[in-house]
PDB file of N, CA and C in Angstrom:
ATOM      1  N   MET A   1       5.512 164.767  53.672  1.00  0.00           N
ATOM      2  CA  MET A   1       7.455 164.328  54.580  1.00  0.00           C
ATOM      3  C   MET A   1       7.446 163.407  55.693  1.00  0.00           C
ATOM      4  N   THR A   2       8.099 162.379  55.463  1.00  0.00           N
ATOM      5  CA  THR A   2       8.089 161.706  57.280  1.00  0.00           C
ATOM      6  C   THR A   2       8.877 162.338  57.623  1.00  0.00           C
ATOM      7  N   GLU A   3       8.881 162.133  59.162  1.00  0.00           N
ATOM      8  CA  GLU A   3       9.240 162.735  60.153  1.00  0.00           C
ATOM      9  C   GLU A   3      11.242 162.826  59.715  1.00  0.00           C
ATOM     10  N   ARG A   4      12.144 161.926  59.709  1.00  0.00           N
ATOM     11  CA  ARG A   4      13.186 162.055  59.740  1.00  0.00           C
ATOM     12  C   ARG A   4      13.552 163.091  58.578  1.00  0.00           C
ATOM     13  N   LYS A   5      12.541 163.931  57.144  1.00  0.00           N
ATOM     14  CA  LYS A   5      13.692 164.000  55.853  1.00  0.00           C
ATOM     15  C   LYS A   5      12.854 165.893  56.880  1.00  0.00           C
ATOM     16  N   MET A   6      11.882 165.763  57.438  1.00  0.00           N
ATOM     17  CA  MET A   6      11.528 167.003  58.410  1.00  0.00           C
ATOM     18  C   MET A   6      12.070 167.283  59.399  1.00  0.00           C
ATOM     19  N   ALA A   7      13.319 166.525  59.744  1.00  0.00           N
ATOM     20  CA  ALA A   7      14.026 166.975  60.675  1.00  0.00           C
ATOM     21  C   ALA A   7      15.268 167.459  60.054  1.00  0.00           C
ATOM     22  N   GLY A   8      15.613 166.365  58.842  1.00  0.00           N
ATOM     23  CA  GLY A   8      16.765 166.629  58.042  1.00  0.00           C
ATOM     24  C   GLY A   8      16.713 168.319  57.400  1.00  0.00           C
ATOM     25  N   LEU A   9      15.715 168.685  56.836  1.00  0.00           N
ATOM     26  CA  LEU A   9      14.709 170.218  56.508  1.00  0.00           C
ATOM     27  C   LEU A   9      15.576 170.836  57.207  1.00  0.00           C
ATOM     28  N   TYR A  10      14.710 170.789  58.522  1.00  0.00           N
ATOM     29  CA  TYR A  10      14.889 171.500  59.962  1.00  0.00           C
ATOM     30  C   TYR A  10      17.099 171.521  60.281  1.00  0.00           C
ATOM     31  N   VAL A  11      17.620 170.573  59.901  1.00  0.00           N
ATOM     32  CA  VAL A  11      18.858 170.535  60.252  1.00  0.00           C
ATOM     33  C   VAL A  11      19.688 171.388  59.346  1.00  0.00           C
ATOM     34  N   PHE A  12      19.530 171.885  57.892  1.00  0.00           N
ATOM     35  CA  PHE A  12      19.546 171.987  57.019  1.00  0.00           C
ATOM     36  C   PHE A  12      19.851 173.706  57.109  1.00  0.00           C
ATOM     37  N   LEU A  13      18.208 173.871  57.549  1.00  0.00           N
ATOM     38  CA  LEU A  13      18.444 175.101  58.027  1.00  0.00           C
ATOM     39  C   LEU A  13      18.948 176.030  58.697  1.00  0.00           C
ATOM     40  N   LEU A  14      18.829 175.295  59.865  1.00  0.00           N
ATOM     41  CA  LEU A  14      19.612 175.213  61.307  1.00  0.00           C
ATOM     42  C   LEU A  14      21.458 176.088  60.265  1.00  0.00           C
ATOM     43  N   LEU A  15      22.093 174.861  59.981  1.00  0.00           N
ATOM     44  CA  LEU A  15      23.102 174.955  59.168  1.00  0.00           C
ATOM     45  C   LEU A  15      23.487 176.020  58.842  1.00  0.00           C
ATOM     46  N   ALA A  16      22.136 176.236  57.706  1.00  0.00           N
ATOM     47  CA  ALA A  16      22.524 177.581  56.532  1.00  0.00           C
ATOM     48  C   ALA A  16      22.169 179.021  57.887  1.00  0.00           C
ATOM     49  N   TRP A  17      21.475 179.118  58.453  1.00  0.00           N
ATOM     50  CA  TRP A  17      21.329 180.003  59.441  1.00  0.00           C
ATOM     51  C   TRP A  17      22.283 180.309  60.046  1.00  0.00           C
ATOM     52  N   TRP A  18      22.938 179.379  61.050  1.00  0.00           N
ATOM     53  CA  TRP A  18      24.102 179.607  61.686  1.00  0.00           C
ATOM     54  C   TRP A  18      25.543 179.627  60.993  1.00  0.00           C
ATOM     55  N   GLY A  19      25.809 178.622  59.472  1.00  0.00           N
ATOM     56  CA  GLY A  19      26.851 179.116  59.045  1.00  0.00           C
ATOM     57  C   GLY A  19      26.593 180.647  58.636  1.00  0.00           C
ATOM     58  N   GLY A  20      25.927 181.245  57.487  1.00  0.00           N
ATOM     59  CA  GLY A  20      25.886 182.636  57.307  1.00  0.00           C
ATOM     60  C   GLY A  20      26.350 183.127  58.423  1.00  0.00           C
ATOM     61  N   TRP A  21      25.801 183.037  59.952  1.00  0.00           N
ATOM     62  CA  TRP A  21      25.820 183.891  61.138  1.00  0.00           C
ATOM     63  C   TRP A  21      27.057 184.037  60.958  1.00  0.00           C
ATOM     64  N   LEU A  22      27.959 182.722  61.546  1.00  0.00           N
ATOM     65  CA  LEU A  22      29.183 182.325  61.427  1.00  0.00           C
ATOM     66  C   LEU A  22      30.055 183.320  60.920  1.00  0.00           C
ATOM     67  N   ALA A  23      29.901 183.034  59.461  1.00  0.00           N
ATOM     68  CA  ALA A  23      30.435 183.888  58.316  1.00  0.00           C
ATOM     69  C   ALA A  23      30.546 185.266  58.214  1.00  0.00           C
ATOM     70  N   LEU A  24      29.690 185.825  58.098  1.00  0.00           N
ATOM     71  CA  LEU A  24      29.802 187.485  59.217  1.00  0.00           C
ATOM     72  C   LEU A  24      30.239 187.704  60.034  1.00  0.00           C
ATOM     73  N   ASP A  25      30.189 186.593  60.657  1.00  0.00           N
ATOM     74  CA  ASP A  25      31.187 187.097  62.243  1.00  0.00           C
ATOM     75  C   ASP A  25      32.300 186.549  62.147  1.00  0.00           C
ATOM     76  N   MET A  26      33.321 185.813  61.083  1.00  0.00           N
ATOM     77  CA  MET A  26      34.059 185.488  61.030  1.00  0.00           C
ATOM     78  C   MET A  26      34.586 186.700  60.245  1.00  0.00           C
ATOM     79  N   TRP A  27      33.811 187.274  59.138  1.00  0.00           N
ATOM     80  CA  TRP A  27      34.489 189.034  58.051  1.00  0.00           C
ATOM     81  C   TRP A  27      34.943 189.560  59.558  1.00  0.00           C
ATOM     82  N   ARG A  28      33.830 189.615  60.257  1.00  0.00           N
ATOM     83  CA  ARG A  28      34.172 191.026  61.075  1.00  0.00           C
ATOM     84  C   ARG A  28      35.181 190.930  61.662  1.00  0.00           C
ATOM     85  N   ILE A  29      35.543 189.718  62.590  1.00  0.00           N
ATOM     86  CA  ILE A  29      36.769 189.809  63.263  1.00  0.00           C
ATOM     87  C   ILE A  29      37.714 189.512  62.403  1.00  0.00           C
ATOM     88  N   GLU A  30      38.003 189.306  61.524  1.00  0.00           N
ATOM     89  CA  GLU A  30      39.002 189.243  60.233  1.00  0.00           C
ATOM     90  C   GLU A  30      39.562 190.493  60.406  1.00  0.00           C
ATOM     91  N   HIS A  31      38.819 191.529  59.719  1.00  0.00           N
ATOM     92  CA  HIS A  31      38.297 192.447  58.711  1.00  0.00           C
ATOM     93  C   HIS A  31      38.153 194.538  59.950  1.00  0.00           C
ATOM     94  N   LEU A  32      37.936 193.726  60.994  1.00  0.00           N
ATOM     95  CA  LEU A  32      37.226 194.797  61.951  1.00  0.00           C
ATOM     96  C   LEU A  32      37.748 194.765  63.586  1.00  0.00           C
ATOM     97  N   LEU A  33      38.920 193.691  63.280  1.00  0.00           N
ATOM     98  CA  LEU A  33      39.263 193.663  65.427  1.00  0.00           C
ATOM     99  C   LEU A  33      40.458 193.145  65.204  1.00  0.00           C
ATOM    100  N   THR A  34      41.013 194.107  66.123  1.00  0.00           N
ATOM    101  CA  THR A  34      43.129 194.328  65.740  1.00  0.00           C
ATOM    102  C   THR A  34      43.168 193.441  66.945  1.00  0.00           C
ATOM    103  N   ASP A  35      42.512 193.136  68.316  1.00  0.00           N
ATOM    104  CA  ASP A  35      43.422 192.664  69.328  1.00  0.00           C
ATOM    105  C   ASP A  35      44.172 191.006  69.606  1.00  0.00           C
ATOM    106  N   ALA A  36      44.744 190.813  70.312  1.00  0.00           N
ATOM    107  CA  ALA A  36      45.511 189.643  69.809  1.00  0.00           C
ATOM    108  C   ALA A  36      44.825 188.872  70.016  1.00  0.00           C
ATOM    109  N   ASP A  37      44.337 188.150  70.932  1.00  0.00           N
ATOM    110  CA  ASP A  37      43.643 186.797  70.718  1.00  0.00           C
ATOM    111  C   ASP A  37      41.892 187.096  69.803  1.00  0.00           C
ATOM    112  N   LYS A  38      41.911 187.436  68.595  1.00  0.00           N
ATOM    113  CA  LYS A  38      40.807 187.933  68.354  1.00  0.00           C
ATOM    114  C   LYS A  38      39.839 187.095  68.267  1.00  0.00           C
ATOM    115  N   TRP A  39      40.283 185.160  68.095  1.00  0.00           N
ATOM    116  CA  TRP A  39      39.759 184.644  67.127  1.00  0.00           C
ATOM    117  C   TRP A  39      39.419 183.812  68.573  1.00  0.00           C
ATOM    118  N   ALA A  40      39.069 184.088  69.918  1.00  0.00           N
ATOM    119  CA  ALA A  40      38.395 183.928  70.968  1.00  0.00           C
ATOM    120  C   ALA A  40      37.108 183.645  71.077  1.00  0.00           C
ATOM    121  N   GLY A  41      36.981 185.156  70.649  1.00  0.00           N
ATOM    122  CA  GLY A  41      35.457 186.018  70.449  1.00  0.00           C
ATOM    123  C   GLY A  41      34.549 184.375  69.195  1.00  0.00           C
ATOM    124  N   PHE A  42      35.426 184.543  68.218  1.00  0.00           N
ATOM    125  CA  PHE A  42      34.706 183.262  67.649  1.00  0.00           C
ATOM    126  C   PHE A  42      34.779 181.879  67.547  1.00  0.00           C
ATOM    127  N   ARG A  43      35.846 181.719  68.616  1.00  0.00           N
ATOM    128  CA  ARG A  43      35.020 180.224  69.266  1.00  0.00           C
ATOM    129  C   ARG A  43      34.351 180.013  70.263  1.00  0.00           C
ATOM    130  N   ARG A  44      33.842 181.167  70.584  1.00  0.00           N
ATOM    131  CA  ARG A  44      32.651 180.732  71.991  1.00  0.00           C
ATOM    132  C   ARG A  44      31.811 181.101  71.209  1.00  0.00           C
ATOM    133  N   ASP A  45      31.748 181.544  69.999  1.00  0.00           N
ATOM    134  CA  ASP A  45      30.421 182.274  68.748  1.00  0.00           C
ATOM    135  C   ASP A  45      30.076 180.400  68.522  1.00  0.00           C
ATOM    136  N   ILE A  46      30.931 179.697  68.104  1.00  0.00           N
ATOM    137  CA  ILE A  46      30.718 178.767  67.272  1.00  0.00           C
ATOM    138  C   ILE A  46      30.204 177.777  68.577  1.00  0.00           C
ATOM    139  N   LEU A  47      30.815 177.907  69.630  1.00  0.00           N
ATOM    140  CA  LEU A  47      30.336 176.950  71.028  1.00  0.00           C
ATOM    141  C   LEU A  47      28.569 177.137  71.260  1.00  0.00           C
ATOM    142  N   TRP A  48      27.947 178.225  71.536  1.00  0.00           N
ATOM    143  CA  TRP A  48      27.330 179.107  71.855  1.00  0.00           C
ATOM    144  C   TRP A  48      26.038 178.550  70.347  1.00  0.00           C
ATOM    145  N   CYS A  49      26.341 178.579  68.974  1.00  0.00           N
ATOM    146  CA  CYS A  49      25.898 178.024  68.307  1.00  0.00           C
ATOM    147  C   CYS A  49      25.683 177.196  67.686  1.00  0.00           C
ATOM    148  N   ALA A  50      26.431 176.069  68.102  1.00  0.00           N
ATOM    149  CA  ALA A  50      26.113 174.494  68.344  1.00  0.00           C
ATOM    150  C   ALA A  50      25.773 174.368  69.334  1.00  0.00           C
ATOM    151  N   GLY A  51      25.259 174.723  70.645  1.00  0.00           N
ATOM    152  CA  GLY A  51      24.921 174.425  71.812  1.00  0.00           C
ATOM    153  C   GLY A  51      23.212 175.005  71.525  1.00  0.00           C
ATOM    154  N   SER A  52      23.070 176.385  71.001  1.00  0.00           N
ATOM    155  CA  SER A  52      21.516 175.928  70.543  1.00  0.00           C
ATOM    156  C   SER A  52      21.190 175.066  69.617  1.00  0.00           C
ATOM    157  N   ALA A  53      21.310 175.083  68.624  1.00  0.00           N
ATOM    158  CA  ALA A  53      21.690 174.186  67.542  1.00  0.00           C
ATOM    159  C   ALA A  53      21.039 172.363  67.956  1.00  0.00           C
ATOM    160  N   ALA A  54      22.100 172.323  68.744  1.00  0.00           N
ATOM    161  CA  ALA A  54      21.904 170.585  69.830  1.00  0.00           C
ATOM    162  C   ALA A  54      20.458 170.830  70.547  1.00  0.00           C
ATOM    163  N   LEU A  55      20.242 171.588  71.302  1.00  0.00           N
ATOM    164  CA  LEU A  55      19.281 171.837  72.451  1.00  0.00           C
ATOM    165  C   LEU A  55      18.178 172.091  71.477  1.00  0.00           C
ATOM    166  N   SER A  56      17.696 172.643  69.939  1.00  0.00           N
ATOM    167  CA  SER A  56      16.891 173.204  69.153  1.00  0.00           C
ATOM    168  C   SER A  56      16.378 172.104  68.837  1.00  0.00           C
ATOM    169  N   LEU A  57      17.837 170.982  68.027  1.00  0.00           N
ATOM    170  CA  LEU A  57      16.545 169.406  67.628  1.00  0.00           C
ATOM    171  C   LEU A  57      16.899 168.579  68.765  1.00  0.00           C
ATOM    172  N   PHE A  58      17.555 168.413  69.629  1.00  0.00           N
ATOM    173  CA  PHE A  58      15.853 167.781  70.630  1.00  0.00           C
ATOM    174  C   PHE A  58      15.575 168.453  71.098  1.00  0.00           C
ATOM    175  N   PHE A  59      14.880 169.277  71.054  1.00  0.00           N
ATOM    176  CA  PHE A  59      13.143 169.810  71.364  1.00  0.00           C
ATOM    177  C   PHE A  59      12.544 169.326  70.514  1.00  0.00           C
ATOM    178  N   LEU A  60      12.945 168.723  68.837  1.00  0.00           N
ATOM    179  CA  LEU A  60      12.277 168.794  67.989  1.00  0.00           C
ATOM    180  C   LEU A  60      11.875 167.804  67.891  1.00  0.00           C
ATOM    181  N   MET A  61      12.584 166.539  68.347  1.00  0.00           N
ATOM    182  CA  MET A  61      13.104 165.123  67.885  1.00  0.00           C
ATOM    183  C   MET A  61      12.325 164.523  69.807  1.00  0.00           C
ATOM    184  N   THR A  62      12.210 164.838  70.548  1.00  0.00           N
ATOM    185  CA  THR A  62      11.526 165.020  71.422  1.00  0.00           C
ATOM    186  C   THR A  62       9.934 165.378  71.464  1.00  0.00           C
ATOM    187  N   GLY A  63       9.770 166.404  70.818  1.00  0.00           N
ATOM    188  CA  GLY A  63       8.050 166.629  71.197  1.00  0.00           C
ATOM    189  C   GLY A  63       7.089 165.869  70.309  1.00  0.00           C
ATOM    190  N   PRO A  64       5.823 165.741  70.909  1.00  0.00           N
ATOM    191  CA  PRO A  64       4.731 165.076  70.116  1.00  0.00           C
ATOM    192  C   PRO A  64       4.063 165.301  68.497  1.00  0.00           C
ATOM    193  N   ASN A  65       4.472 167.158  68.256  1.00  0.00           N
ATOM    194  CA  ASN A  65       4.469 167.775  67.390  1.00  0.00           C
ATOM    195  C   ASN A  65       5.363 167.853  66.353  1.00  0.00           C
ATOM    196  N   LYS A  66       5.932 166.586  65.758  1.00  0.00           N
ATOM    197  CA  LYS A  66       6.948 167.001  65.516  1.00  0.00           C
ATOM    198  C   LYS A  66       6.993 167.488  63.919  1.00  0.00           C
ATOM    199  N   LYS A  67       5.626 167.127  63.063  1.00  0.00           N
ATOM    200  CA  LYS A  67       5.806 167.700  62.079  1.00  0.00           C
ATOM    201  C   LYS A  67       5.210 169.067  61.921  1.00  0.00           C
ATOM    202  N   PHE A  68       4.393 169.232  62.469  1.00  0.00           N
ATOM    203  CA  PHE A  68       3.970 171.017  62.642  1.00  0.00           C
ATOM    204  C   PHE A  68       5.281 171.716  62.851  1.00  0.00           C
ATOM    205  N   SER A  69       5.688 171.142  63.788  1.00  0.00           N
ATOM    206  CA  SER A  69       7.100 171.729  64.778  1.00  0.00           C
ATOM    207  C   SER A  69       7.990 171.974  63.209  1.00  0.00           C
ATOM    208  N   ALA A  70       8.361 171.251  62.751  1.00  0.00           N
ATOM    209  CA  ALA A  70       9.838 171.317  61.754  1.00  0.00           C
ATOM    210  C   ALA A  70       8.937 172.756  60.484  1.00  0.00           C
ATOM    211  N   TYR A  71       7.789 172.339  59.947  1.00  0.00           N
ATOM    212  CA  TYR A  71       7.297 173.200  59.476  1.00  0.00           C
ATOM    213  C   TYR A  71       7.065 174.706  59.988  1.00  0.00           C
ATOM    214  N   ALA A  72       6.510 174.657  61.135  1.00  0.00           N
ATOM    215  CA  ALA A  72       6.747 175.904  61.642  1.00  0.00           C
ATOM    216  C   ALA A  72       8.165 176.785  61.819  1.00  0.00           C
ATOM    217  N   LEU A  73       8.974 176.008  62.477  1.00  0.00           N
ATOM    218  CA  LEU A  73      10.516 176.811  62.418  1.00  0.00           C
ATOM    219  C   LEU A  73      10.969 176.691  60.740  1.00  0.00           C
ATOM    220  N   SER A  74      10.646 175.681  60.140  1.00  0.00           N
ATOM    221  CA  SER A  74      11.561 175.972  58.639  1.00  0.00           C
ATOM    222  C   SER A  74      11.101 177.347  57.827  1.00  0.00           C
ATOM    223  N   VAL A  75       9.506 178.076  58.639  1.00  0.00           N
ATOM    224  CA  VAL A  75       8.825 179.269  57.939  1.00  0.00           C
ATOM    225  C   VAL A  75       9.422 180.240  58.587  1.00  0.00           C
ATOM    226  N   CYS A  76       9.664 179.918  60.234  1.00  0.00           N
ATOM    227  CA  CYS A  76       9.945 181.136  60.916  1.00  0.00           C
ATOM    228  C   CYS A  76      11.695 181.479  60.416  1.00  0.00           C
ATOM    229  N   LEU A  77      12.353 180.114  59.920  1.00  0.00           N
ATOM    230  CA  LEU A  77      13.862 180.523  60.144  1.00  0.00           C
ATOM    231  C   LEU A  77      14.071 181.543  58.302  1.00  0.00           C
ATOM    232  N   ALA A  78      12.917 180.196  57.645  1.00  0.00           N
ATOM    233  CA  ALA A  78      13.160 181.435  56.252  1.00  0.00           C
ATOM    234  C   ALA A  78      12.820 182.909  56.584  1.00  0.00           C
ATOM    235  N   LEU A  79      12.293 183.283  57.531  1.00  0.00           N
ATOM    236  CA  LEU A  79      11.440 184.807  57.286  1.00  0.00           C
ATOM    237  C   LEU A  79      12.379 185.186  58.563  1.00  0.00           C
ATOM    238  N   ILE A  80      13.508 184.880  59.494  1.00  0.00           N
ATOM    239  CA  ILE A  80      14.433 185.119  59.758  1.00  0.00           C
ATOM    240  C   ILE A  80      15.819 185.759  59.300  1.00  0.00           C
ATOM    241  N   VAL A  81      16.099 184.997  58.479  1.00  0.00           N
ATOM    242  CA  VAL A  81      17.459 185.558  57.452  1.00  0.00           C
ATOM    243  C   VAL A  81      17.197 186.483  57.228  1.00  0.00           C
ATOM    244  N   PRO A  82      16.304 186.779  56.315  1.00  0.00           N
ATOM    245  CA  PRO A  82      16.561 188.104  55.570  1.00  0.00           C
ATOM    246  C   PRO A  82      16.248 189.181  56.137  1.00  0.00           C
ATOM    247  N   ILE A  83      15.529 188.618  57.722  1.00  0.00           N
ATOM    248  CA  ILE A  83      15.054 189.847  58.329  1.00  0.00           C
ATOM    249  C   ILE A  83      16.047 190.316  58.877  1.00  0.00           C
ATOM    250  N   SER A  84      16.753 189.422  59.279  1.00  0.00           N
ATOM    251  CA  SER A  84      18.200 190.108  60.444  1.00  0.00           C
ATOM    252  C   SER A  84      18.953 190.442  59.257  1.00  0.00           C
ATOM    253  N   VAL A  85      19.767 189.992  58.271  1.00  0.00           N
ATOM    254  CA  VAL A  85      20.529 190.909  57.407  1.00  0.00           C
ATOM    255  C   VAL A  85      20.077 192.099  56.433  1.00  0.00           C
ATOM    256  N   ALA A  86      18.557 192.105  56.823  1.00  0.00           N
ATOM    257  CA  ALA A  86      17.784 193.506  56.810  1.00  0.00           C
ATOM    258  C   ALA A  86      18.482 194.344  57.597  1.00  0.00           C
ATOM    259  N   ILE A  87      18.313 194.045  58.703  1.00  0.00           N
ATOM    260  CA  ILE A  87      18.520 194.648  59.913  1.00  0.00           C
ATOM    261  C   ILE A  87      20.085 195.292  60.328  1.00  0.00           C
ATOM    262  N   VAL A  88      20.420 194.248  59.941  1.00  0.00           N
ATOM    263  CA  VAL A  88      22.304 194.400  60.679  1.00  0.00           C
ATOM    264  C   VAL A  88      22.513 195.147  59.702  1.00  0.00           C
ATOM    265  N   ALA A  89      22.484 194.804  58.158  1.00  0.00           N
ATOM    266  CA  ALA A  89      23.065 195.542  56.829  1.00  0.00           C
ATOM    267  C   ALA A  89      22.360 197.603  56.899  1.00  0.00           C
ATOM    268  N   GLY A  90      21.003 197.517  57.233  1.00  0.00           N
ATOM    269  CA  GLY A  90      20.223 198.941  57.629  1.00  0.00           C
ATOM    270  C   GLY A  90      21.109 199.195  58.386  1.00  0.00           C
ATOM    271  N   SER A  91      21.012 199.189  59.280  1.00  0.00           N
ATOM    272  CA  SER A  91      21.407 199.713  60.343  1.00  0.00           C
ATOM    273  C   SER A  91      23.093 200.284  60.339  1.00  0.00           C
ATOM    274  N   SER A  92      23.445 199.093  59.717  1.00  0.00           N
ATOM    275  CA  SER A  92      25.215 199.878  59.628  1.00  0.00           C
ATOM    276  C   SER A  92      25.366 201.382  58.432  1.00  0.00           C
ATOM    277  N   PHE A  93      24.223 201.098  57.373  1.00  0.00           N
ATOM    278  CA  PHE A  93      24.489 201.714  56.297  1.00  0.00           C
ATOM    279  C   PHE A  93      23.741 202.880  56.027  1.00  0.00           C
ATOM    280  N   ILE A  94      23.835 203.621  58.192  1.00  0.00           N
ATOM    281  CA  ILE A  94      22.690 204.648  58.627  1.00  0.00           C
ATOM    282  C   ILE A  94      23.531 205.819  57.300  1.00  0.00           C
ATOM    283  N   HIS A  95      22.883 206.957  56.568  1.00  0.00           N
ATOM    284  CA  HIS A  95      23.506 207.998  56.132  1.00  0.00           C
ATOM    285  C   HIS A  95      24.878 207.519  55.175  1.00  0.00           C
ATOM    286  N   TRP A  96      24.561 206.177  53.950  1.00  0.00           N
ATOM    287  CA  TRP A  96      24.885 206.130  53.059  1.00  0.00           C
ATOM    288  C   TRP A  96      26.723 205.804  53.765  1.00  0.00           C
ATOM    289  N   GLU A  97      26.618 205.733  55.493  1.00  0.00           N
ATOM    290  CA  GLU A  97      28.177 205.552  55.741  1.00  0.00           C
ATOM    291  C   GLU A  97      28.354 204.394  56.381  1.00  0.00           C
ATOM    292  N   PHE A  98      29.015 203.293  56.370  1.00  0.00           N
ATOM    293  CA  PHE A  98      29.625 202.087  57.477  1.00  0.00           C
ATOM    294  C   PHE A  98      30.180 202.588  58.400  1.00  0.00           C
ATOM    295  N   ASP A  99      28.758 202.194  59.483  1.00  0.00           N
ATOM    296  CA  ASP A  99      28.876 203.071  61.118  1.00  0.00           C
ATOM    297  C   ASP A  99      29.834 201.205  61.260  1.00  0.00           C
ATOM    298  N   VAL A 100      31.004 201.069  61.644  1.00  0.00           N
ATOM    299  CA  VAL A 100      31.348 199.894  62.479  1.00  0.00           C
ATOM    300  C   VAL A 100      30.900 199.485  63.727  1.00  0.00           C
ATOM    301  N   PRO A 101      30.841 200.606  64.750  1.00  0.00           N
ATOM    302  CA  PRO A 101      30.412 200.497  65.725  1.00  0.00           C
ATOM    303  C   PRO A 101      28.815 199.820  66.733  1.00  0.00           C
ATOM    304  N   MET A 102      28.076 200.402  65.251  1.00  0.00           N
ATOM    305  CA  MET A 102      26.249 200.557  64.985  1.00  0.00           C
ATOM    306  C   MET A 102      26.816 198.407  64.424  1.00  0.00           C
ATOM    307  N   PHE A 103      27.498 198.497  62.898  1.00  0.00           N
ATOM    308  CA  PHE A 103      27.215 197.032  63.162  1.00  0.00           C
ATOM    309  C   PHE A 103      27.913 196.224  63.929  1.00  0.00           C
ATOM    310  N   LEU A 104      29.444 196.295  64.453  1.00  0.00           N
ATOM    311  CA  LEU A 104      29.300 195.152  65.196  1.00  0.00           C
ATOM    312  C   LEU A 104      28.195 194.748  66.452  1.00  0.00           C
ATOM    313  N   MET A 105      27.854 195.785  67.251  1.00  0.00           N
ATOM    314  CA  MET A 105      26.346 195.877  68.210  1.00  0.00           C
ATOM    315  C   MET A 105      25.343 195.595  67.714  1.00  0.00           C
ATOM    316  N   MET A 106      25.106 195.879  66.267  1.00  0.00           N
ATOM    317  CA  MET A 106      23.903 194.966  66.210  1.00  0.00           C
ATOM    318  C   MET A 106      23.970 193.289  65.438  1.00  0.00           C
ATOM    319  N   HIS A 107      25.096 193.125  64.920  1.00  0.00           N
ATOM    320  CA  HIS A 107      25.508 191.579  64.858  1.00  0.00           C
ATOM    321  C   HIS A 107      25.752 191.094  65.573  1.00  0.00           C
ATOM    322  N   THR A 108      26.380 191.470  66.737  1.00  0.00           N
ATOM    323  CA  THR A 108      26.180 190.749  68.294  1.00  0.00           C
ATOM    324  C   THR A 108      24.782 190.544  68.823  1.00  0.00           C
ATOM    325  N   CYS A 109      23.857 191.697  68.370  1.00  0.00           N
ATOM    326  CA  CYS A 109      22.627 191.299  69.162  1.00  0.00           C
ATOM    327  C   CYS A 109      21.453 190.170  68.413  1.00  0.00           C
ATOM    328  N   ALA A 110      21.840 190.193  67.128  1.00  0.00           N
ATOM    329  CA  ALA A 110      20.817 189.516  66.058  1.00  0.00           C
ATOM    330  C   ALA A 110      21.209 188.255  66.614  1.00  0.00           C
ATOM    331  N   GLY A 111      22.545 188.116  66.999  1.00  0.00           N
ATOM    332  CA  GLY A 111      23.197 186.812  67.603  1.00  0.00           C
ATOM    333  C   GLY A 111      22.777 185.741  68.400  1.00  0.00           C
ATOM    334  N   TRP A 112      22.551 186.823  69.771  1.00  0.00           N
ATOM    335  CA  TRP A 112      22.456 186.284  70.508  1.00  0.00           C
ATOM    336  C   TRP A 112      21.547 186.317  70.417  1.00  0.00           C
ATOM    337  N   VAL A 113      20.158 187.128  70.230  1.00  0.00           N
ATOM    338  CA  VAL A 113      18.493 186.789  70.440  1.00  0.00           C
ATOM    339  C   VAL A 113      18.692 185.412  69.191  1.00  0.00           C
ATOM    340  N   MET A 114      19.295 185.267  67.871  1.00  0.00           N
ATOM    341  CA  MET A 114      18.754 183.753  67.434  1.00  0.00           C
ATOM    342  C   MET A 114      18.999 182.635  68.423  1.00  0.00           C
ATOM    343  N   THR A 115      19.951 183.041  69.296  1.00  0.00           N
ATOM    344  CA  THR A 115      20.708 181.702  70.612  1.00  0.00           C
ATOM    345  C   THR A 115      19.763 181.659  71.145  1.00  0.00           C
ATOM    346  N   LEU A 116      18.928 182.201  71.618  1.00  0.00           N
ATOM    347  CA  LEU A 116      18.184 182.057  72.763  1.00  0.00           C
ATOM    348  C   LEU A 116      16.279 182.096  72.067  1.00  0.00           C
ATOM    349  N   VAL A 117      15.832 182.072  70.800  1.00  0.00           N
ATOM    350  CA  VAL A 117      15.340 182.251  70.076  1.00  0.00           C
ATOM    351  C   VAL A 117      14.799 180.741  69.520  1.00  0.00           C
ATOM    352  N   VAL A 118      15.766 180.251  68.884  1.00  0.00           N
ATOM    353  CA  VAL A 118      15.598 179.633  68.063  1.00  0.00           C
ATOM    354  C   VAL A 118      14.967 178.256  69.003  1.00  0.00           C
ATOM    355  N   PRO A 119      15.668 177.763  70.176  1.00  0.00           N
ATOM    356  CA  PRO A 119      15.616 176.790  71.141  1.00  0.00           C
ATOM    357  C   PRO A 119      14.313 176.612  71.929  1.00  0.00           C
ATOM    358  N   LEU A 120      13.933 178.520  71.892  1.00  0.00           N
ATOM    359  CA  LEU A 120      12.937 178.443  72.471  1.00  0.00           C
ATOM    360  C   LEU A 120      11.565 178.368  71.588  1.00  0.00           C
ATOM    361  N   MET A 121      11.520 178.733  70.308  1.00  0.00           N
ATOM    362  CA  MET A 121      10.581 178.340  69.340  1.00  0.00           C
ATOM    363  C   MET A 121      10.215 177.014  68.550  1.00  0.00           C
ATOM    364  N   THR A 122      11.016 176.517  69.399  1.00  0.00           N
ATOM    365  CA  THR A 122      11.341 174.648  68.841  1.00  0.00           C
ATOM    366  C   THR A 122      10.743 173.855  69.566  1.00  0.00           C
ATOM    367  N   PHE A 123      10.723 174.467  71.486  1.00  0.00           N
ATOM    368  CA  PHE A 123      10.165 173.658  72.380  1.00  0.00           C
ATOM    369  C   PHE A 123       8.535 173.814  72.483  1.00  0.00           C
ATOM    370  N   PHE A 124       8.156 175.370  71.867  1.00  0.00           N
ATOM    371  CA  PHE A 124       6.820 175.445  72.598  1.00  0.00           C
ATOM    372  C   PHE A 124       6.182 175.350  70.996  1.00  0.00           C
ATOM    373  N   SER A 125       6.678 175.194  70.140  1.00  0.00           N
ATOM    374  CA  SER A 125       6.161 174.529  68.803  1.00  0.00           C
ATOM    375  C   SER A 125       5.710 172.731  69.118  1.00  0.00           C
ATOM    376  N   ALA A 126       7.391 172.664  69.391  1.00  0.00           N
ATOM    377  CA  ALA A 126       7.121 170.634  69.769  1.00  0.00           C
ATOM    378  C   ALA A 126       5.909 170.083  70.377  1.00  0.00           C
ATOM    379  N   ARG A 127       5.768 171.476  71.786  1.00  0.00           N
ATOM    380  CA  ARG A 127       4.489 170.739  72.607  1.00  0.00           C
ATOM    381  C   ARG A 127       3.328 171.069  72.459  1.00  0.00           C
ATOM    382  N   PHE A 128       3.738 172.471  71.762  1.00  0.00           N
ATOM    383  CA  PHE A 128       1.680 172.544  71.957  1.00  0.00           C
ATOM    384  C   PHE A 128       1.064 172.556  70.185  1.00  0.00           C
TER     385      PHE A 128
END
């Protein structure tokens, strides 16, 4: 594959990951929160996701090992999505009950971890 195709595949996976996470975040905000300006947190999450994806794409395009980096990150993102879904969903349904506080905490933790991990993984895999 050419570098352009690899970058396109990586961007597609990033959009799929962040799109899924933001859709879950939107559902969480709409159905579980009741404060007056509940969308302020969602707007903040969109900015964090966009910043993380832009930083990750910048690291991918400026690194010397673009092809290896795109392959490695494609595999990692493909593994991270089901693992994150399993952790968030599994920890929310402990004892076959929907535990709302646990769901909110795990969803937030999964988002923050991925916001930090994806650009760092891109940086290191593109450099070494």
